[in-house]
Amino acid sequence: MSYRQKILIVVVISLAITVVLFFCLSPEERNFINFLAIIGFILSIVGLIIAYIQILSIKEIAINTQNKINENITLNNNIIMLSDLSRKAAMVDEIQGYLRDDKIEMCILRMKDLKVILNSLKNQEQYNSLVSKREFKTVFENFNIDLDNFQTFQLKAKGKIDRSIISKNLELLSTIFLSVEVKLKTTNHDS
């Protein structure tokens, strides 16, 4: 029932009660002052009823508004997560390019940047629900080992680094980012 319908019903009922109360008075008491007293009493009650209806209406609007705000915050967070994941996957591709081009120093710098990001991702609940902890832990550990190997290789410049393993580990990391991105997109699309 709409707000206007509720008020119309209250007004009609109050008019009916006013007329009934007026005619319930003895003929000598049916004067203008008593009529005004009955109308004042009924209007006071109608005012209270309308105020109560308004309060309920405002409460409903506030709840609906809060729900919409929460939906928009969730959508906004998911959009930010999607753009972050795309950027992180592109960073992995960039590292792989440096690895192919034998630019070890640039590769190490970008891997250090990505390590900071991965450390922050490890503690974010929004990502934890989309990636198994074991899978992320394995990829994260491999990434740290690869970074350590690169730094050791750069310092010693003697040993050989198996770039195929590092490339494979980077590809697994990129796959995780992209799979989480796809999960987020399908979740957003389904809802």
C-alpha atoms as a PDB file:
ATOM      1  CA  MET A   1       0.000   0.000   0.000  1.00  0.00           C
ATOM      2  CA  SER A   2       1.396   3.383  -0.977  1.00  0.00           C
ATOM      3  CA  TYR A   3       1.954   6.316   1.338  1.00  0.00           C
ATOM      4  CA  ARG A   4      -0.925   8.313  -0.195  1.00  0.00           C
ATOM      5  CA  GLN A   5      -3.332   5.409   0.130  1.00  0.00           C
ATOM      6  CA  LYS A   6      -2.468   5.035   3.800  1.00  0.00           C
ATOM      7  CA  ILE A   7      -3.066   8.725   4.470  1.00  0.00           C
ATOM      8  CA  LEU A   8      -6.331   8.692   2.510  1.00  0.00           C
ATOM      9  CA  ILE A   9      -7.573   5.747   4.565  1.00  0.00           C
ATOM     10  CA  VAL A  10      -6.608   7.518   7.821  1.00  0.00           C
ATOM     11  CA  VAL A  11      -8.389  10.732   6.742  1.00  0.00           C
ATOM     12  CA  VAL A  12     -11.563   8.891   5.698  1.00  0.00           C
ATOM     13  CA  ILE A  13     -11.645   6.896   8.926  1.00  0.00           C
ATOM     14  CA  SER A  14     -11.064  10.039  10.989  1.00  0.00           C
ATOM     15  CA  LEU A  15     -13.898  11.868   9.214  1.00  0.00           C
ATOM     16  CA  ALA A  16     -16.193   8.922   9.841  1.00  0.00           C
ATOM     17  CA  ILE A  17     -15.213   8.830  13.521  1.00  0.00           C
ATOM     18  CA  THR A  18     -15.775  12.602  13.788  1.00  0.00           C
ATOM     19  CA  VAL A  19     -19.272  12.317  12.358  1.00  0.00           C
ATOM     20  CA  VAL A  20     -20.109   9.309  14.548  1.00  0.00           C
ATOM     21  CA  LEU A  21     -18.801  11.040  17.690  1.00  0.00           C
ATOM     22  CA  PHE A  22     -20.669  14.222  16.848  1.00  0.00           C
ATOM     23  CA  PHE A  23     -23.935  12.369  16.419  1.00  0.00           C
ATOM     24  CA  CYS A  24     -23.331  10.346  19.579  1.00  0.00           C
ATOM     25  CA  LEU A  25     -23.572  13.566  21.576  1.00  0.00           C
ATOM     26  CA  SER A  26     -26.876  14.509  23.053  1.00  0.00           C
ATOM     27  CA  PRO A  27     -28.774  17.123  21.026  1.00  0.00           C
ATOM     28  CA  GLU A  28     -27.956  19.874  23.530  1.00  0.00           C
ATOM     29  CA  GLU A  29     -24.220  19.096  23.333  1.00  0.00           C
ATOM     30  CA  ARG A  30     -24.151  19.239  19.519  1.00  0.00           C
ATOM     31  CA  ASN A  31     -22.856  22.738  19.257  1.00  0.00           C
ATOM     32  CA  PHE A  32     -20.039  24.290  17.256  1.00  0.00           C
ATOM     33  CA  ILE A  33     -17.504  24.283  20.121  1.00  0.00           C
ATOM     34  CA  ASN A  34     -17.959  20.577  20.814  1.00  0.00           C
ATOM     35  CA  PHE A  35     -17.723  19.894  17.074  1.00  0.00           C
ATOM     36  CA  LEU A  36     -14.404  21.778  16.987  1.00  0.00           C
ATOM     37  CA  ALA A  37     -13.212  19.854  20.047  1.00  0.00           C
ATOM     38  CA  ILE A  38     -13.997  16.530  18.351  1.00  0.00           C
ATOM     39  CA  ILE A  39     -12.283  17.653  15.142  1.00  0.00           C
ATOM     40  CA  GLY A  40      -9.229  18.828  17.135  1.00  0.00           C
ATOM     41  CA  PHE A  41      -9.043  15.514  18.965  1.00  0.00           C
ATOM     42  CA  ILE A  42      -9.373  13.497  15.758  1.00  0.00           C
ATOM     43  CA  LEU A  43      -6.852  15.682  13.935  1.00  0.00           C
ATOM     44  CA  SER A  44      -4.370  15.171  16.781  1.00  0.00           C
ATOM     45  CA  ILE A  45      -4.753  11.408  16.479  1.00  0.00           C
ATOM     46  CA  VAL A  46      -4.522  11.628  12.660  1.00  0.00           C
ATOM     47  CA  GLY A  47      -1.380  13.715  13.023  1.00  0.00           C
ATOM     48  CA  LEU A  48       0.180  11.079  15.275  1.00  0.00           C
ATOM     49  CA  ILE A  49      -0.774   8.326  12.845  1.00  0.00           C
ATOM     50  CA  ILE A  50       0.629  10.251   9.877  1.00  0.00           C
ATOM     51  CA  ALA A  51       3.824  10.971  11.812  1.00  0.00           C
ATOM     52  CA  TYR A  52       4.161   7.264  12.588  1.00  0.00           C
ATOM     53  CA  ILE A  53       3.596   6.376   8.920  1.00  0.00           C
ATOM     54  CA  GLN A  54       6.222   8.979   7.953  1.00  0.00           C
ATOM     55  CA  ILE A  55       8.717   7.516  10.418  1.00  0.00           C
ATOM     56  CA  LEU A  56       8.169   4.031   8.999  1.00  0.00           C
ATOM     57  CA  SER A  57       8.521   5.381   5.472  1.00  0.00           C
ATOM     58  CA  ILE A  58      11.754   7.212   6.313  1.00  0.00           C
ATOM     59  CA  LYS A  59      13.101   4.095   8.023  1.00  0.00           C
ATOM     60  CA  GLU A  60      12.352   2.028   4.911  1.00  0.00           C
ATOM     61  CA  ILE A  61      14.016   4.636   2.682  1.00  0.00           C
ATOM     62  CA  ALA A  62      17.071   4.688   4.946  1.00  0.00           C
ATOM     63  CA  ILE A  63      17.368   0.887   4.838  1.00  0.00           C
ATOM     64  CA  ASN A  64      16.989   0.837   1.044  1.00  0.00           C
ATOM     65  CA  THR A  65      19.538   3.635   0.694  1.00  0.00           C
ATOM     66  CA  GLN A  66      22.023   1.811   2.923  1.00  0.00           C
ATOM     67  CA  ASN A  67      21.553  -1.375   0.890  1.00  0.00           C
ATOM     68  CA  LYS A  68      22.189   0.512  -2.357  1.00  0.00           C
ATOM     69  CA  ILE A  69      25.265   2.183  -0.866  1.00  0.00           C
ATOM     70  CA  ASN A  70      26.618  -1.209   0.213  1.00  0.00           C
ATOM     71  CA  GLU A  71      25.958  -2.647  -3.257  1.00  0.00           C
ATOM     72  CA  ASN A  72      27.751   0.281  -4.880  1.00  0.00           C
ATOM     73  CA  ILE A  73      30.710  -0.004  -2.493  1.00  0.00           C
ATOM     74  CA  THR A  74      30.998  -3.714  -3.287  1.00  0.00           C
ATOM     75  CA  LEU A  75      30.755  -3.040  -7.017  1.00  0.00           C
ATOM     76  CA  ASN A  76      33.328  -0.252  -6.757  1.00  0.00           C
ATOM     77  CA  ASN A  77      35.709  -2.485  -4.788  1.00  0.00           C
ATOM     78  CA  ASN A  78      35.311  -5.245  -7.367  1.00  0.00           C
ATOM     79  CA  ILE A  79      36.019  -2.823 -10.210  1.00  0.00           C
ATOM     80  CA  ILE A  80      39.140  -1.610  -8.399  1.00  0.00           C
ATOM     81  CA  MET A  81      40.157  -5.221  -7.789  1.00  0.00           C
ATOM     82  CA  LEU A  82      39.670  -6.017 -11.482  1.00  0.00           C
ATOM     83  CA  SER A  83      41.841  -3.115 -12.583  1.00  0.00           C
ATOM     84  CA  ASP A  84      44.471  -4.041  -9.971  1.00  0.00           C
ATOM     85  CA  LEU A  85      44.528  -7.629 -11.184  1.00  0.00           C
ATOM     86  CA  SER A  86      44.900  -6.567 -14.808  1.00  0.00           C
ATOM     87  CA  ARG A  87      47.750  -4.258 -13.839  1.00  0.00           C
ATOM     88  CA  LYS A  88      49.455  -7.006 -11.839  1.00  0.00           C
ATOM     89  CA  ALA A  89      49.138  -9.489 -14.699  1.00  0.00           C
ATOM     90  CA  ALA A  90      50.636  -6.855 -17.021  1.00  0.00           C
ATOM     91  CA  MET A  91      53.495  -6.397 -14.538  1.00  0.00           C
ATOM     92  CA  VAL A  92      54.206 -10.138 -14.689  1.00  0.00           C
ATOM     93  CA  ASP A  93      54.240  -9.912 -18.494  1.00  0.00           C
ATOM     94  CA  GLU A  94      56.659  -6.992 -18.233  1.00  0.00           C
ATOM     95  CA  ILE A  95      58.967  -9.027 -15.978  1.00  0.00           C
ATOM     96  CA  GLN A  96      58.856 -11.900 -18.455  1.00  0.00           C
ATOM     97  CA  GLY A  97      59.792  -9.476 -21.243  1.00  0.00           C
ATOM     98  CA  TYR A  98      62.805  -8.275 -19.269  1.00  0.00           C
ATOM     99  CA  LEU A  99      63.737 -11.890 -18.647  1.00  0.00           C
ATOM    100  CA  ARG A 100      63.564 -12.707 -22.384  1.00  0.00           C
ATOM    101  CA  ASP A 101      65.583  -9.591 -23.245  1.00  0.00           C
ATOM    102  CA  ASP A 102      68.227 -10.501 -20.641  1.00  0.00           C
ATOM    103  CA  LYS A 103      67.639  -7.267 -18.679  1.00  0.00           C
ATOM    104  CA  ILE A 104      68.217  -8.821 -15.297  1.00  0.00           C
ATOM    105  CA  GLU A 105      68.481  -5.530 -13.371  1.00  0.00           C
ATOM    106  CA  MET A 106      65.098  -4.322 -14.656  1.00  0.00           C
ATOM    107  CA  CYS A 107      63.653  -7.762 -14.023  1.00  0.00           C
ATOM    108  CA  ILE A 108      64.818  -7.638 -10.391  1.00  0.00           C
ATOM    109  CA  LEU A 109      63.416  -4.122  -9.884  1.00  0.00           C
ATOM    110  CA  ARG A 110      59.982  -5.074 -11.208  1.00  0.00           C
ATOM    111  CA  MET A 111      60.020  -8.315  -9.223  1.00  0.00           C
ATOM    112  CA  LYS A 112      60.716  -6.325  -6.049  1.00  0.00           C
ATOM    113  CA  ASP A 113      57.756  -4.063  -6.877  1.00  0.00           C
ATOM    114  CA  LEU A 114      55.586  -7.105  -7.450  1.00  0.00           C
ATOM    115  CA  LYS A 115      56.797  -8.685  -4.201  1.00  0.00           C
ATOM    116  CA  VAL A 116      55.485  -5.692  -2.255  1.00  0.00           C
ATOM    117  CA  ILE A 117      52.129  -6.072  -4.000  1.00  0.00           C
ATOM    118  CA  LEU A 118      52.024  -9.817  -3.357  1.00  0.00           C
ATOM    119  CA  ASN A 119      52.762  -9.280   0.332  1.00  0.00           C
ATOM    120  CA  SER A 120      49.802  -6.930   0.575  1.00  0.00           C
ATOM    121  CA  LEU A 121      47.584  -9.319  -1.403  1.00  0.00           C
ATOM    122  CA  LYS A 122      48.384 -12.145   0.962  1.00  0.00           C
ATOM    123  CA  ASN A 123      46.561 -10.296   3.748  1.00  0.00           C
ATOM    124  CA  GLN A 124      43.515  -9.054   1.848  1.00  0.00           C
ATOM    125  CA  GLU A 125      40.359 -11.029   2.536  1.00  0.00           C
ATOM    126  CA  GLN A 126      38.731 -10.054  -0.746  1.00  0.00           C
ATOM    127  CA  TYR A 127      41.387 -12.036  -2.634  1.00  0.00           C
ATOM    128  CA  ASN A 128      41.650 -14.868  -0.108  1.00  0.00           C
ATOM    129  CA  SER A 129      38.118 -15.981  -0.860  1.00  0.00           C
ATOM    130  CA  LEU A 130      38.958 -16.361  -4.564  1.00  0.00           C
ATOM    131  CA  VAL A 131      42.337 -18.113  -4.401  1.00  0.00           C
ATOM    132  CA  SER A 132      43.185 -21.129  -2.290  1.00  0.00           C
ATOM    133  CA  LYS A 133      45.779 -20.360   0.350  1.00  0.00           C
ATOM    134  CA  ARG A 134      47.894 -23.340  -0.657  1.00  0.00           C
ATOM    135  CA  GLU A 135      47.979 -22.305  -4.307  1.00  0.00           C
ATOM    136  CA  PHE A 136      48.854 -18.712  -3.484  1.00  0.00           C
ATOM    137  CA  LYS A 137      51.457 -19.780  -0.920  1.00  0.00           C
ATOM    138  CA  THR A 138      53.173 -22.060  -3.452  1.00  0.00           C
ATOM    139  CA  VAL A 139      53.283 -19.395  -6.141  1.00  0.00           C
ATOM    140  CA  PHE A 140      54.400 -16.758  -3.634  1.00  0.00           C
ATOM    141  CA  GLU A 141      57.200 -18.988  -2.324  1.00  0.00           C
ATOM    142  CA  ASN A 142      58.357 -19.783  -5.873  1.00  0.00           C
ATOM    143  CA  PHE A 143      58.341 -16.090  -6.701  1.00  0.00           C
ATOM    144  CA  ASN A 144      60.471 -15.282  -3.636  1.00  0.00           C
ATOM    145  CA  ILE A 145      62.922 -18.074  -4.492  1.00  0.00           C
ATOM    146  CA  ASP A 146      63.191 -16.770  -8.062  1.00  0.00           C
ATOM    147  CA  LEU A 147      63.806 -13.238  -6.857  1.00  0.00           C
ATOM    148  CA  ASP A 148      66.445 -14.476  -4.417  1.00  0.00           C
ATOM    149  CA  ASN A 149      68.108 -16.497  -7.193  1.00  0.00           C
ATOM    150  CA  PHE A 150      68.194 -13.441  -9.443  1.00  0.00           C
ATOM    151  CA  GLN A 151      69.764 -11.321  -6.742  1.00  0.00           C
ATOM    152  CA  THR A 152      72.325 -14.027  -5.972  1.00  0.00           C
ATOM    153  CA  PHE A 153      73.088 -14.427  -9.668  1.00  0.00           C
ATOM    154  CA  GLN A 154      73.560 -10.682 -10.051  1.00  0.00           C
ATOM    155  CA  LEU A 155      75.969 -10.540  -7.117  1.00  0.00           C
ATOM    156  CA  LYS A 156      78.016 -13.588  -8.061  1.00  0.00           C
ATOM    157  CA  ALA A 157      77.600 -13.430 -11.844  1.00  0.00           C
ATOM    158  CA  LYS A 158      78.970 -16.970 -12.000  1.00  0.00           C
ATOM    159  CA  GLY A 159      76.039 -19.301 -11.669  1.00  0.00           C
ATOM    160  CA  LYS A 160      73.406 -20.030 -14.212  1.00  0.00           C
ATOM    161  CA  ILE A 161      69.747 -19.343 -13.727  1.00  0.00           C
ATOM    162  CA  ASP A 162      67.163 -21.643 -15.217  1.00  0.00           C
ATOM    163  CA  ARG A 163      65.000 -19.023 -16.889  1.00  0.00           C
ATOM    164  CA  SER A 164      62.456 -21.593 -17.996  1.00  0.00           C
ATOM    165  CA  ILE A 165      61.572 -22.371 -14.361  1.00  0.00           C
ATOM    166  CA  ILE A 166      61.359 -18.687 -13.516  1.00  0.00           C
ATOM    167  CA  SER A 167      59.216 -18.066 -16.580  1.00  0.00           C
ATOM    168  CA  LYS A 168      56.977 -21.000 -15.602  1.00  0.00           C
ATOM    169  CA  ASN A 169      56.604 -19.608 -12.062  1.00  0.00           C
ATOM    170  CA  LEU A 170      55.788 -16.163 -13.425  1.00  0.00           C
ATOM    171  CA  GLU A 171      53.222 -17.705 -15.738  1.00  0.00           C
ATOM    172  CA  LEU A 172      51.573 -19.439 -12.768  1.00  0.00           C
ATOM    173  CA  LEU A 173      51.419 -16.102 -10.974  1.00  0.00           C
ATOM    174  CA  SER A 174      49.883 -14.437 -14.007  1.00  0.00           C
ATOM    175  CA  THR A 175      47.387 -17.302 -14.281  1.00  0.00           C
ATOM    176  CA  ILE A 176      46.302 -16.766 -10.678  1.00  0.00           C
ATOM    177  CA  PHE A 177      45.750 -13.052 -11.293  1.00  0.00           C
ATOM    178  CA  LEU A 178      43.763 -13.708 -14.444  1.00  0.00           C
ATOM    179  CA  SER A 179      41.686 -16.519 -12.920  1.00  0.00           C
ATOM    180  CA  VAL A 180      40.734 -14.291  -9.987  1.00  0.00           C
ATOM    181  CA  GLU A 181      39.867 -11.540 -12.465  1.00  0.00           C
ATOM    182  CA  VAL A 182      37.609 -13.940 -14.403  1.00  0.00           C
ATOM    183  CA  LYS A 183      35.962 -15.125 -11.167  1.00  0.00           C
ATOM    184  CA  LEU A 184      35.247 -11.520 -10.212  1.00  0.00           C
ATOM    185  CA  LYS A 185      33.849 -10.694 -13.638  1.00  0.00           C
ATOM    186  CA  THR A 186      31.526 -13.694 -13.663  1.00  0.00           C
ATOM    187  CA  THR A 187      30.452 -12.999 -10.088  1.00  0.00           C
ATOM    188  CA  ASN A 188      29.642  -9.382 -10.996  1.00  0.00           C
ATOM    189  CA  HIS A 189      27.898 -10.461 -14.177  1.00  0.00           C
ATOM    190  CA  ASP A 190      25.727 -13.059 -12.453  1.00  0.00           C
ATOM    191  CA  SER A 191      24.520 -10.726  -9.701  1.00  0.00           C
END
